[in-house]
């Protein structure tokens, strides 16, 4: 495929992608990140997008299997695409056969559909494609580059100078070579150079570029050869380094305006993935490219989020299966300011929240010890989980205290991550003597709970029961210390429910009223009540509980059934 196919005004831009009845509007100079749990349709999205642009199925995809219903394109300079411009483009990029028709270079994965694509076309058909708004037809390969992990690695290997290759194109292009070496250094902190290694092949090495090195076709002195041979070879380094070089070669040796990248972060460590995300965003913005990334990496996504706010689209995909076993896809758009929002509003490490974008569901717990215990409990139930739901697909997020739960819950909902809260019973405690405020009230407002007022009233009744029974404990408390003492008293009583069975019954009634709310209060008051025979508290208790596999007891299993029921409600019908 020639790399000059997109010079001039003949460049398509994807302006709209339809999923179901909804539309996603796009423009040139942007990155679209596809996120979601495993098997949610990220790679399938790329398959179907390419198939839609071609107008037929590829070997990767069944065009009509559920995800993308339609893709629309707009040609840059469409109003000026004269017959002369079309003819000039065709003569430069296509092969003119003896019959007077042009032979298009159709990508191999469309080879079974050559008849439908009609690889031999006339000038009128070229004009028809350039004036269309939905299909690139047999010219799809001239405007769309599909890039997967394995072929990227292959691009970084030794290349024969007699053949056209990305490596050779970059070597011939000083501007492209400069960009490739600069961005490679940004990712790995290592210099990069390309050399004629002898016997008509070139390769890339980890070495600073030397002006003294000969160019293509020039001979090497013995000292130059010795210098060259002493540097590490990229094709013998880790797959991450090879993959990134393949990505960069593809971006700068191939100017196709639409780039489909499947797992660009493959084989990379977190900091490298972050920096690669920054580079992809920068390349799209500066060169007017459209880059689509199917990713499961929060570090790459965090790097992508560092550019202009209007040049990143994030699509979270969700896949469900109906009663007939047919896949159904849905999507939600994540605010491009998500990274900034998380940093500003969250009091926990923002990367923990980003895990929610790649999980089937998130369970918020108050602290890390709770997360440790409940994740072990979930693992023990793996064989009992519904088909399709795996412990590894559920993310536990400890938030460092109940007061951090509402903001975390709000942020995860903005990321459209199915979320359930697990909290000690003192989570319901109000902020002041007027029974207002507090994390419980905030979560109810965030969920737009239908019975919010009734739930708050019932909570208030529970607090009044406690306060009336402990009236003597609050008598004589100075005004400036009253609220603090009041909350401390409520917290104590609500986490020691085994000492007050009538109060325990009232809390159980509240739990029943919460069935439609993604909130589960730990029975008995707190985590330790799931196995009261174990002495200690906090981390000490958790360590002992896990050692004797207390998470397999009936109390824990029953509670986890309740939690997982709400998880399934949040996810949908798939499970």
Protein backbone atom coordinates (compact mmCIF):
# COMPACT_ATOMS: atom_id res chain seq x y z
CA UNK A 1 0.00 0.00 0.00
CA UNK A 2 1.48 3.32 -0.98
CA UNK A 3 1.86 5.82 1.79
CA UNK A 4 0.90 8.84 -0.26
CA UNK A 5 -2.72 7.86 -0.76
CA UNK A 6 -4.00 10.69 1.37
CA UNK A 7 -2.08 13.66 0.09
CA UNK A 8 -4.25 16.50 -1.04
CA UNK A 9 -7.92 16.92 -0.32
CA UNK A 10 -9.04 13.30 -0.71
CA UNK A 11 -9.37 12.29 2.95
CA UNK A 12 -12.40 10.78 4.67
CA UNK A 13 -13.42 11.48 8.25
CA UNK A 14 -15.81 9.33 10.24
CA UNK A 15 -18.47 11.75 11.45
CA UNK A 16 -21.03 9.42 12.97
CA UNK A 17 -21.24 5.89 14.33
CA UNK A 18 -24.64 4.45 15.10
CA UNK A 19 -25.01 1.82 17.84
CA UNK A 20 -28.60 0.67 18.15
CA UNK A 21 -30.73 3.79 17.98
CA UNK A 22 -28.03 6.09 19.40
CA UNK A 23 -25.39 8.06 17.53
CA UNK A 24 -21.81 9.00 18.38
CA UNK A 25 -20.58 12.15 16.63
CA UNK A 26 -16.88 12.35 15.79
CA UNK A 27 -14.41 14.58 13.97
CA UNK A 28 -10.86 14.56 12.60
CA UNK A 29 -7.90 15.03 14.95
CA UNK A 30 -9.40 12.90 17.71
CA UNK A 31 -8.87 9.67 19.62
CA UNK A 32 -11.75 7.35 20.42
CA UNK A 33 -10.99 4.97 23.27
CA UNK A 34 -13.06 1.79 23.54
CA UNK A 35 -13.22 0.46 27.10
CA UNK A 36 -15.25 -2.08 29.01
CA UNK A 37 -15.01 -5.51 30.65
CA UNK A 38 -13.57 -8.54 28.91
CA UNK A 39 -15.69 -9.70 25.97
CA UNK A 40 -17.71 -6.49 26.01
CA UNK A 41 -17.09 -5.89 22.30
CA UNK A 42 -14.00 -3.64 22.13
CA UNK A 43 -12.15 -5.57 19.41
CA UNK A 44 -15.46 -6.44 17.79
CA UNK A 45 -16.16 -2.71 17.51
CA UNK A 46 -13.01 -2.28 15.40
CA UNK A 47 -13.96 -5.31 13.29
CA UNK A 48 -17.41 -3.98 12.61
CA UNK A 49 -16.26 -0.42 12.00
CA UNK A 50 -13.88 -1.60 9.29
CA UNK A 51 -16.57 -3.85 7.83
CA UNK A 52 -19.08 -0.99 7.77
CA UNK A 53 -16.57 1.26 6.04
CA UNK A 54 -15.89 -1.43 3.45
CA UNK A 55 -19.58 -2.16 2.97
CA UNK A 56 -19.10 -5.91 3.42
CA UNK A 57 -18.02 -8.34 6.11
CA UNK A 58 -14.38 -9.10 6.70
CA UNK A 59 -12.92 -12.36 7.90
CA UNK A 60 -12.92 -10.79 11.38
CA UNK A 61 -16.52 -9.79 11.63
CA UNK A 62 -20.11 -10.40 10.78
CA UNK A 63 -21.21 -6.91 9.89
CA UNK A 64 -24.72 -7.34 11.14
CA UNK A 65 -23.98 -9.04 14.46
CA UNK A 66 -25.25 -6.48 16.77
CA UNK A 67 -22.84 -3.66 17.47
CA UNK A 68 -22.39 -0.94 14.83
CA UNK A 69 -25.50 -0.35 12.77
CA UNK A 70 -24.02 2.34 10.52
CA UNK A 71 -20.94 4.50 10.04
CA UNK A 72 -21.01 7.80 8.17
CA UNK A 73 -18.08 9.56 6.56
CA UNK A 74 -17.41 12.99 5.20
CA UNK A 75 -14.77 13.77 2.62
CA UNK A 76 -12.47 16.66 3.28
CA UNK A 77 -12.75 18.94 0.31
CA UNK A 78 -15.83 17.04 -0.88
CA UNK A 79 -17.20 20.04 -2.73
CA UNK A 80 -14.02 20.27 -4.79
CA UNK A 81 -13.53 16.65 -5.74
CA UNK A 82 -13.53 17.19 -9.47
CA UNK A 83 -13.03 14.49 -12.06
CA UNK A 84 -9.44 15.71 -12.46
CA UNK A 85 -8.71 15.32 -8.74
CA UNK A 86 -10.25 11.85 -8.67
CA UNK A 87 -8.30 10.82 -11.76
CA UNK A 88 -5.07 12.18 -10.30
CA UNK A 89 -5.61 10.25 -7.06
CA UNK A 90 -6.49 7.04 -8.92
CA UNK A 91 -3.49 7.27 -11.24
CA UNK A 92 -1.13 7.82 -8.33
CA UNK A 93 -2.48 5.14 -6.03
CA UNK A 94 -4.15 2.46 -8.14
CA UNK A 95 -2.90 0.17 -10.91
CA UNK A 96 -4.43 0.81 -14.33
CA UNK A 97 -5.18 -2.51 -16.06
CA UNK A 98 -5.14 -3.20 -19.77
CA UNK A 99 -8.92 -3.04 -19.76
CA UNK A 100 -8.72 0.61 -18.71
CA UNK A 101 -10.06 -0.10 -15.23
CA UNK A 102 -8.22 0.43 -11.97
CA UNK A 103 -7.18 -2.48 -9.77
CA UNK A 104 -7.59 -1.73 -6.07
CA UNK A 105 -5.37 -3.30 -3.41
CA UNK A 106 -7.93 -4.96 -1.14
CA UNK A 107 -6.78 -5.99 2.39
CA UNK A 108 -6.25 -9.73 2.78
CA UNK A 109 -8.97 -10.16 5.41
CA UNK A 110 -11.50 -9.10 2.80
CA UNK A 111 -10.23 -11.66 0.29
CA UNK A 112 -13.33 -13.83 0.52
CA UNK A 113 -15.46 -10.88 -0.44
CA UNK A 114 -13.62 -9.66 -3.51
CA UNK A 115 -16.67 -10.18 -5.66
CA UNK A 116 -18.71 -7.93 -3.41
CA UNK A 117 -15.94 -5.39 -3.20
CA UNK A 118 -15.27 -5.46 -6.95
CA UNK A 119 -11.55 -4.73 -6.90
CA UNK A 120 -11.59 -3.60 -10.55
CA UNK A 121 -13.29 -0.23 -10.82
CA UNK A 122 -13.60 2.62 -13.30
CA UNK A 123 -13.05 6.33 -12.70
CA UNK A 124 -16.80 6.87 -12.29
CA UNK A 125 -16.85 4.35 -9.46
CA UNK A 126 -13.93 6.12 -7.79
CA UNK A 127 -15.91 9.35 -7.98
CA UNK A 128 -18.98 7.61 -6.59
CA UNK A 129 -17.01 6.39 -3.57
CA UNK A 130 -15.52 9.85 -3.01
CA UNK A 131 -18.95 11.42 -3.07
CA UNK A 132 -20.56 8.87 -0.76
CA UNK A 133 -21.31 9.17 2.92
CA UNK A 134 -21.13 5.62 4.19
CA UNK A 135 -18.85 3.22 2.31
CA UNK A 136 -15.26 3.26 1.12
CA UNK A 137 -15.83 -0.02 -0.72
CA UNK A 138 -12.75 -1.59 -2.22
CA UNK A 139 -10.77 1.56 -1.35
CA UNK A 140 -11.12 0.91 2.41
CA UNK A 141 -7.49 -0.22 2.65
CA UNK A 142 -6.27 3.10 1.23
CA UNK A 143 -7.79 5.12 4.04
CA UNK A 144 -8.05 2.76 7.02
CA UNK A 145 -5.10 1.13 8.76
CA UNK A 146 -5.83 -1.86 11.03
CA UNK A 147 -3.11 -2.50 13.60
CA UNK A 148 -2.89 -5.46 16.01
CA UNK A 149 -0.25 -6.49 18.59
CA UNK A 150 1.38 -9.25 16.53
CA UNK A 151 1.72 -7.38 13.27
CA UNK A 152 3.20 -4.40 15.16
CA UNK A 153 5.90 -6.61 16.60
CA UNK A 154 6.64 -7.97 13.13
CA UNK A 155 7.07 -4.43 11.79
CA UNK A 156 10.00 -3.89 14.18
CA UNK A 157 12.04 -6.78 12.80
CA UNK A 158 14.74 -6.74 10.13
CA UNK A 159 13.55 -5.62 6.72
CA UNK A 160 14.86 -6.26 3.22
CA UNK A 161 15.86 -3.04 1.46
CA UNK A 162 14.61 -4.45 -1.84
CA UNK A 163 11.06 -4.48 -0.47
CA UNK A 164 8.73 -1.70 0.55
CA UNK A 165 8.38 -1.55 4.33
CA UNK A 166 7.47 0.92 7.05
CA UNK A 167 11.01 0.74 8.38
CA UNK A 168 12.45 1.66 4.98
CA UNK A 169 9.96 4.51 4.43
CA UNK A 170 10.88 6.07 7.76
CA UNK A 171 14.59 5.78 6.98
CA UNK A 172 14.02 7.66 3.74
CA UNK A 173 12.02 10.39 5.50
CA UNK A 174 14.10 12.58 7.83
CA UNK A 175 11.01 14.22 9.36
CA UNK A 176 9.34 10.87 10.04
CA UNK A 177 12.55 9.39 11.46
CA UNK A 178 12.95 12.36 13.81
CA UNK A 179 9.42 11.91 15.13
CA UNK A 180 9.79 8.15 15.57
CA UNK A 181 13.05 8.52 17.49
CA UNK A 182 11.70 11.35 19.67
CA UNK A 183 8.53 9.48 20.64
CA UNK A 184 10.42 6.23 21.20
CA UNK A 185 12.63 8.12 23.64
CA UNK A 186 9.56 9.55 25.37
CA UNK A 187 8.22 6.07 26.05
CA UNK A 188 11.42 4.26 27.04
CA UNK A 189 14.00 6.94 27.76
CA UNK A 190 16.27 5.30 25.18
CA UNK A 191 17.71 6.64 21.89
CA UNK A 192 16.80 5.00 18.61
CA UNK A 193 18.63 4.74 15.30
CA UNK A 194 18.20 2.82 12.09
CA UNK A 195 21.13 1.14 10.30
CA UNK A 196 21.90 -0.85 7.22
CA UNK A 197 23.11 -3.95 9.00
CA UNK A 198 24.51 -5.54 5.86
CA UNK A 199 23.33 -8.06 3.28
CA UNK A 200 20.66 -5.66 2.09
CA UNK A 201 18.70 -5.39 5.35
CA UNK A 202 17.99 -2.60 7.80
CA UNK A 203 17.12 -2.71 11.47
CA UNK A 204 16.52 -0.37 14.39
CA UNK A 205 18.91 -0.24 17.31
CA UNK A 206 19.01 1.43 20.71
CA UNK A 207 21.61 4.05 19.96
CA UNK A 208 21.87 7.78 19.34
CA UNK A 209 21.60 8.88 15.75
CA UNK A 210 25.00 9.61 14.31
CA UNK A 211 25.48 12.01 11.43
CA UNK A 212 28.59 10.05 10.53
CA UNK A 213 26.62 6.97 9.66
CA UNK A 214 26.11 6.33 5.94
CA UNK A 215 22.68 6.47 4.35
CA UNK A 216 21.05 3.84 2.19
CA UNK A 217 23.37 2.48 -0.46
CA UNK A 218 26.53 3.97 1.07
CA UNK A 219 29.33 1.77 2.35
CA UNK A 220 30.41 1.48 6.01
CA UNK A 221 33.93 1.82 7.29
CA UNK A 222 35.21 -0.80 9.74
CA UNK A 223 34.91 1.64 12.66
CA UNK A 224 31.35 2.54 11.67
CA UNK A 225 30.46 -1.11 11.36
CA UNK A 226 31.96 -1.86 14.77
CA UNK A 227 30.05 1.03 16.35
CA UNK A 228 26.82 -0.13 14.75
CA UNK A 229 27.25 -3.78 15.75
CA UNK A 230 27.84 -2.86 19.38
CA UNK A 231 24.39 -1.41 20.01
CA UNK A 232 21.40 -3.44 21.30
CA UNK A 233 18.98 -4.54 18.61
CA UNK A 234 15.33 -3.56 19.03
CA UNK A 235 14.14 -6.80 17.41
CA UNK A 236 15.93 -8.71 20.20
CA UNK A 237 14.42 -6.64 23.02
CA UNK A 238 11.16 -7.15 24.87
CA UNK A 239 7.88 -7.34 23.00
CA UNK A 240 6.80 -4.00 24.48
CA UNK A 241 9.67 -2.16 22.85
CA UNK A 242 9.07 -3.97 19.56
CA UNK A 243 5.36 -3.20 19.64
CA UNK A 244 5.81 0.52 20.30
CA UNK A 245 8.32 0.81 17.47
CA UNK A 246 5.79 -0.93 15.21
CA UNK A 247 3.09 1.56 16.24
CA UNK A 248 5.35 4.55 15.60
CA UNK A 249 6.53 3.23 12.24
CA UNK A 250 2.91 2.72 11.23
CA UNK A 251 1.89 6.23 12.29
CA UNK A 252 4.68 8.06 10.47
CA UNK A 253 5.34 5.87 7.45
CA UNK A 254 1.68 5.47 6.64
CA UNK A 255 -0.50 8.57 6.45
CA UNK A 256 -3.89 6.89 6.26
CA UNK A 257 -6.27 9.16 8.18
CA UNK A 258 -8.17 6.43 10.07
CA UNK A 259 -6.17 4.15 12.36
CA UNK A 260 -7.67 1.19 14.24
CA UNK A 261 -5.41 0.07 17.11
CA UNK A 262 -6.18 -3.09 19.05
CA UNK A 263 -4.53 -3.07 22.50
CA UNK A 264 -1.77 -0.55 21.81
CA UNK A 265 -0.63 -1.02 25.43
CA UNK A 266 0.17 -4.71 24.87
CA UNK A 267 3.41 -5.86 26.58
CA UNK A 268 4.03 -2.45 28.23
CA UNK A 269 4.64 -1.51 31.86
CA UNK A 270 2.20 1.04 33.35
CA UNK A 271 4.40 4.17 32.97
CA UNK A 272 5.18 3.25 29.37
CA UNK A 273 1.51 2.69 28.58
CA UNK A 274 0.69 6.10 30.07
CA UNK A 275 3.30 7.83 27.92
CA UNK A 276 2.15 5.98 24.81
CA UNK A 277 -1.38 7.24 25.48
CA UNK A 278 -0.06 10.80 25.60
CA UNK A 279 1.73 10.30 22.28
CA UNK A 280 -1.29 8.83 20.48
CA UNK A 281 -3.40 11.78 21.60
CA UNK A 282 -0.74 14.24 20.45
CA UNK A 283 -0.34 12.59 17.03
CA UNK A 284 -4.09 12.61 16.42
CA UNK A 285 -4.41 16.29 17.38
CA UNK A 286 -1.37 17.50 15.45
CA UNK A 287 -1.89 15.49 12.28
CA UNK A 288 -5.66 15.49 12.00
CA UNK A 289 -5.85 11.69 12.23
CA UNK A 290 -8.68 9.64 13.69
CA UNK A 291 -7.31 6.99 16.02
CA UNK A 292 -9.53 4.31 17.54
CA UNK A 293 -8.02 2.37 20.47
CA UNK A 294 -9.54 -0.79 21.91
CA UNK A 295 -7.91 -0.97 25.32
CA UNK A 296 -8.23 -2.62 28.71
CA UNK A 297 -5.49 -0.55 30.30
CA UNK A 298 -6.21 2.28 32.73
CA UNK A 299 -2.69 3.68 32.31
CA UNK A 300 -3.04 4.14 28.56
CA UNK A 301 -6.45 5.72 29.13
CA UNK A 302 -5.01 8.08 31.73
CA UNK A 303 -2.34 9.13 29.22
CA UNK A 304 -4.94 9.70 26.51
CA UNK A 305 -6.84 12.02 28.86
CA UNK A 306 -4.04 14.58 28.98
CA UNK A 307 -4.78 16.58 25.81
CA UNK A 308 -7.50 18.94 24.68
CA UNK A 309 -10.88 18.14 26.17
CA UNK A 310 -12.70 18.00 22.84
CA UNK A 311 -10.33 15.58 21.12
CA UNK A 312 -11.00 12.47 23.22
CA UNK A 313 -14.11 10.30 23.12
CA UNK A 314 -14.44 7.39 25.51
CA UNK A 315 -17.00 4.70 24.74
CA UNK A 316 -17.71 2.13 27.44
CA UNK A 317 -19.19 -0.98 25.89
CA UNK A 318 -21.34 -3.55 27.63
CA UNK A 319 -22.39 -6.90 26.22
CA UNK A 320 -25.37 -8.91 27.39
CA UNK A 321 -26.82 -12.18 26.13
CA UNK A 322 -30.55 -12.72 25.61
CA UNK A 323 -32.48 -15.92 26.28
CA UNK A 324 -31.64 -17.18 22.79
CA UNK A 325 -27.90 -16.75 23.33
CA UNK A 326 -27.67 -13.75 21.02
CA UNK A 327 -25.32 -10.94 21.96
CA UNK A 328 -26.70 -7.50 22.58
CA UNK A 329 -24.47 -4.47 22.92
CA UNK A 330 -24.96 -1.18 24.66
CA UNK A 331 -22.68 1.74 25.22
CA UNK A 332 -22.23 4.85 27.29
CA UNK A 333 -20.05 7.89 26.74
CA UNK A 334 -17.55 8.68 29.49
CA UNK A 335 -16.87 12.40 30.10
CA UNK A 336 -13.45 13.27 28.65
CA UNK A 337 -12.79 15.16 31.89
CA UNK A 338 -13.03 11.92 33.90
CA UNK A 339 -9.38 12.01 34.97
CA UNK A 340 -9.65 15.57 36.21
CA UNK A 341 -12.97 14.85 37.92
CA UNK A 342 -11.51 11.86 39.76
CA UNK A 343 -8.45 13.78 40.92
CA UNK A 344 -10.57 16.69 42.15
CA UNK A 345 -13.35 14.74 43.86
CA UNK A 346 -11.82 11.50 45.01
CA UNK A 347 -9.79 10.98 48.16
CA UNK A 348 -8.40 7.66 47.00
CA UNK A 349 -5.94 6.71 44.28
CA UNK A 350 -7.65 7.54 41.02
CA UNK A 351 -6.26 4.45 39.32
CA UNK A 352 -8.43 2.28 41.57
CA UNK A 353 -11.49 3.99 40.18
CA UNK A 354 -10.36 3.51 36.61
CA UNK A 355 -10.46 -0.24 37.21
CA UNK A 356 -14.22 0.20 37.17
CA UNK A 357 -14.14 1.00 33.45
CA UNK A 358 -12.76 -2.45 32.71
CA UNK A 359 -14.82 -4.50 35.18
CA UNK A 360 -18.27 -5.99 34.96
CA UNK A 361 -19.04 -4.35 38.29
CA UNK A 362 -17.48 -2.47 41.21
CA UNK A 363 -18.15 -3.13 44.88
CA UNK A 364 -17.32 -0.17 47.11
CA UNK A 365 -16.21 -1.09 50.63
CA UNK A 366 -15.10 1.17 53.44
CA UNK A 367 -11.47 0.08 53.61
CA UNK A 368 -8.86 -2.29 52.23
CA UNK A 369 -9.37 -4.94 54.94
CA UNK A 370 -13.01 -5.23 53.91
CA UNK A 371 -11.95 -5.50 50.27
CA UNK A 372 -9.52 -8.28 51.16
CA UNK A 373 -12.10 -10.33 53.05
CA UNK A 374 -14.96 -9.92 50.59
CA UNK A 375 -12.78 -10.63 47.56
CA UNK A 376 -11.73 -13.91 49.21
CA UNK A 377 -15.39 -14.66 49.88
CA UNK A 378 -16.20 -14.00 46.23
CA UNK A 379 -13.39 -16.29 45.06
CA UNK A 380 -14.76 -19.09 47.24
CA UNK A 381 -18.11 -18.73 45.46
CA UNK A 382 -16.61 -18.88 41.95
CA UNK A 383 -18.22 -22.24 41.10
CA UNK A 384 -21.62 -21.02 42.28
CA UNK A 385 -21.59 -17.80 40.26
CA UNK A 386 -23.88 -17.51 37.24
CA UNK A 387 -22.33 -18.40 33.89
CA UNK A 388 -20.35 -15.48 32.48
CA UNK A 389 -19.66 -13.78 35.81
CA UNK A 390 -16.15 -14.30 37.18
CA UNK A 391 -14.60 -13.08 40.46
CA UNK A 392 -11.84 -11.38 38.47
CA UNK A 393 -14.43 -9.30 36.63
CA UNK A 394 -15.66 -7.69 39.86
CA UNK A 395 -13.49 -4.94 41.29
CA UNK A 396 -13.40 -4.08 45.01
CA UNK A 397 -12.56 -0.48 45.87
CA UNK A 398 -11.69 0.44 49.46
CA UNK A 399 -12.33 4.14 50.04
CA UNK A 400 -10.74 4.78 53.45
CA UNK A 401 -13.89 5.41 55.46
CA UNK A 402 -17.63 5.72 55.04
CA UNK A 403 -17.54 9.47 54.41
CA UNK A 404 -15.65 8.86 51.16
CA UNK A 405 -18.27 6.44 49.85
CA UNK A 406 -20.71 8.99 48.31
CA UNK A 407 -18.09 10.84 46.23
CA UNK A 408 -16.61 7.55 45.02
CA UNK A 409 -20.07 6.24 44.18
CA UNK A 410 -20.85 9.41 42.23
CA UNK A 411 -17.61 9.18 40.25
CA UNK A 412 -18.11 5.52 39.38
CA UNK A 413 -21.63 6.24 38.22
CA UNK A 414 -20.26 8.99 35.98
CA UNK A 415 -17.98 6.31 34.50
CA UNK A 416 -21.16 4.22 34.00
CA UNK A 417 -19.62 1.38 35.99
CA UNK A 418 -22.24 -0.88 37.63
CA UNK A 419 -21.63 -0.21 41.32
CA UNK A 420 -22.80 -1.68 44.64
CA UNK A 421 -21.91 -0.37 48.11
CA UNK A 422 -21.12 -2.64 51.05
CA UNK A 423 -20.94 -0.77 54.35
CA UNK A 424 -21.12 -1.19 58.11
CA UNK A 425 -24.47 -0.31 59.62
CA UNK A 426 -23.18 2.99 61.04
CA UNK A 427 -23.13 4.14 57.41
CA UNK A 428 -26.71 5.30 57.97
CA UNK A 429 -25.81 7.79 60.74
CA UNK A 430 -26.94 11.35 59.96
CA UNK A 431 -24.74 14.41 60.21
CA UNK A 432 -26.56 16.26 63.00
CA UNK A 433 -29.38 16.23 65.56
CA UNK A 434 -31.83 17.27 62.85
CA UNK A 435 -31.24 13.91 61.16
CA UNK A 436 -29.93 15.57 58.00
CA UNK A 437 -26.88 14.93 55.84
CA UNK A 438 -24.48 12.04 56.14
CA UNK A 439 -23.27 9.46 53.58
CA UNK A 440 -26.53 7.49 53.61
CA UNK A 441 -28.60 10.53 52.58
CA UNK A 442 -26.08 11.47 49.87
CA UNK A 443 -26.15 7.99 48.31
CA UNK A 444 -29.95 7.92 48.27
CA UNK A 445 -29.98 11.27 46.45
CA UNK A 446 -27.38 10.04 43.94
CA UNK A 447 -29.48 6.96 43.15
CA UNK A 448 -32.66 9.04 42.88
CA UNK A 449 -34.26 6.47 45.16
CA UNK A 450 -37.99 6.26 44.67
CA UNK A 451 -38.58 5.78 48.41
CA UNK A 452 -35.91 8.23 49.54
CA UNK A 453 -38.17 10.07 52.02
CA UNK A 454 -39.51 6.84 53.50
CA UNK A 455 -36.01 5.43 53.89
CA UNK A 456 -34.74 8.60 55.55
CA UNK A 457 -37.76 8.60 57.90
CA UNK A 458 -37.12 4.99 58.87
CA UNK A 459 -33.44 5.77 59.47
CA UNK A 460 -34.47 8.73 61.64
CA UNK A 461 -36.72 6.46 63.72
CA UNK A 462 -33.81 4.09 64.33
CA UNK A 463 -31.64 6.99 65.50
CA UNK A 464 -34.39 8.22 67.82
CA UNK A 465 -34.71 4.74 69.35
CA UNK A 466 -30.98 4.72 70.12
CA UNK A 467 -30.92 8.28 71.45
CA UNK A 468 -33.94 7.74 73.71
CA UNK A 469 -32.42 4.57 75.17
CA UNK A 470 -29.11 6.33 75.78
CA UNK A 471 -30.50 9.67 76.89
CA UNK A 472 -28.46 9.68 80.05
CA UNK A 473 -25.20 9.37 78.08
CA UNK A 474 -25.83 12.70 76.38
CA UNK A 475 -27.03 14.68 79.39
CA UNK A 476 -24.74 17.46 80.38
CA UNK A 477 -22.65 17.27 77.17
CA UNK A 478 -21.46 20.80 76.22
CA UNK A 479 -23.14 22.25 73.15
CA UNK A 480 -19.91 22.44 71.16
CA UNK A 481 -19.27 18.73 71.74
CA UNK A 482 -22.81 17.46 71.44
CA UNK A 483 -22.85 16.58 67.72
CA UNK A 484 -19.57 14.74 67.92
CA UNK A 485 -20.67 12.80 71.01
CA UNK A 486 -24.05 12.04 69.39
CA UNK A 487 -22.50 10.54 66.24
CA UNK A 488 -20.01 8.56 68.30
CA UNK A 489 -22.86 7.09 70.33
CA UNK A 490 -24.89 6.20 67.21
CA UNK A 491 -21.87 4.64 65.54
CA UNK A 492 -21.15 2.52 68.62
CA UNK A 493 -24.69 1.24 68.98
CA UNK A 494 -25.14 0.48 65.29
CA UNK A 495 -21.95 -1.55 65.10
CA UNK A 496 -22.80 -3.56 68.24
CA UNK A 497 -26.24 -4.74 67.21
CA UNK A 498 -25.76 -8.14 68.86
CA UNK A 499 -26.11 -6.32 72.20
CA UNK A 500 -29.55 -4.98 71.27
CA UNK A 501 -31.75 -7.52 69.50
CA UNK A 502 -34.78 -5.20 69.05
CA UNK A 503 -32.51 -2.65 67.38
CA UNK A 504 -31.04 -5.44 65.24
CA UNK A 505 -34.56 -6.26 64.07
CA UNK A 506 -35.17 -2.65 63.05
CA UNK A 507 -31.94 -2.54 61.05
CA UNK A 508 -32.88 -5.79 59.31
CA UNK A 509 -36.20 -4.18 58.35
CA UNK A 510 -34.25 -1.24 56.92
CA UNK A 511 -32.10 -3.65 54.89
CA UNK A 512 -35.26 -5.16 53.45
CA UNK A 513 -36.43 -1.71 52.43
CA UNK A 514 -33.10 -1.20 50.63
CA UNK A 515 -33.61 -4.07 48.19
CA UNK A 516 -33.92 -1.75 45.17
CA UNK A 517 -30.96 0.39 46.28
CA UNK A 518 -27.35 -0.68 45.38
CA UNK A 519 -26.43 -0.60 49.09
CA UNK A 520 -25.90 -3.57 51.42
CA UNK A 521 -25.46 -3.09 55.16
CA UNK A 522 -23.35 -5.77 56.83
CA UNK A 523 -25.59 -7.93 59.04
CA UNK A 524 -24.90 -7.55 62.71
CA UNK A 525 -23.35 -4.13 62.30
CA UNK A 526 -19.81 -4.63 61.00
CA UNK A 527 -17.51 -7.06 59.24
CA UNK A 528 -16.42 -8.80 62.42
CA UNK A 529 -20.00 -9.85 63.15
CA UNK A 530 -19.91 -12.26 60.21
CA UNK A 531 -17.85 -14.54 62.45
CA UNK A 532 -18.10 -13.34 66.09
CA UNK A 533 -16.16 -16.35 67.40
CA UNK A 534 -12.94 -14.79 66.10
CA UNK A 535 -11.33 -12.36 68.53
CA UNK A 536 -9.78 -9.06 67.54
CA UNK A 537 -10.75 -6.24 65.22
CA UNK A 538 -9.75 -4.75 61.90
CA UNK A 539 -6.73 -6.23 60.15
CA UNK A 540 -6.10 -8.65 63.02
CA UNK A 541 -9.59 -10.10 62.67
CA UNK A 542 -9.37 -10.30 58.87
CA UNK A 543 -6.04 -12.15 59.04
CA UNK A 544 -7.48 -14.72 61.41
CA UNK A 545 -10.75 -15.01 59.46
CA UNK A 546 -9.02 -15.69 56.17
CA UNK A 547 -6.63 -18.19 57.79
CA UNK A 548 -9.58 -20.36 58.91
CA UNK A 549 -11.62 -19.58 55.77
CA UNK A 550 -14.40 -17.93 57.77
CA UNK A 551 -15.67 -16.41 54.54
CA UNK A 552 -17.14 -19.84 53.75
CA UNK A 553 -19.56 -19.75 56.68
CA UNK A 554 -23.30 -19.48 56.17
CA UNK A 555 -23.56 -15.88 57.40
CA UNK A 556 -21.02 -14.67 54.85
CA UNK A 557 -22.45 -16.78 52.02
CA UNK A 558 -25.93 -15.46 52.70
CA UNK A 559 -24.72 -11.88 52.72
CA UNK A 560 -22.69 -12.37 49.54
CA UNK A 561 -25.80 -13.77 47.85
CA UNK A 562 -27.54 -10.49 48.65
CA UNK A 563 -24.59 -8.46 47.36
CA UNK A 564 -24.31 -10.47 44.14
CA UNK A 565 -28.03 -10.16 43.58
CA UNK A 566 -27.64 -6.40 43.54
CA UNK A 567 -24.56 -6.72 41.33
CA UNK A 568 -26.63 -8.65 38.80
CA UNK A 569 -29.35 -6.01 39.00
CA UNK A 570 -26.81 -3.31 38.20
CA UNK A 571 -25.20 -5.20 35.33
CA UNK A 572 -28.38 -6.30 33.61
CA UNK A 573 -29.81 -9.52 32.28
CA UNK A 574 -26.53 -11.07 31.16
CA UNK A 575 -26.06 -12.84 34.45
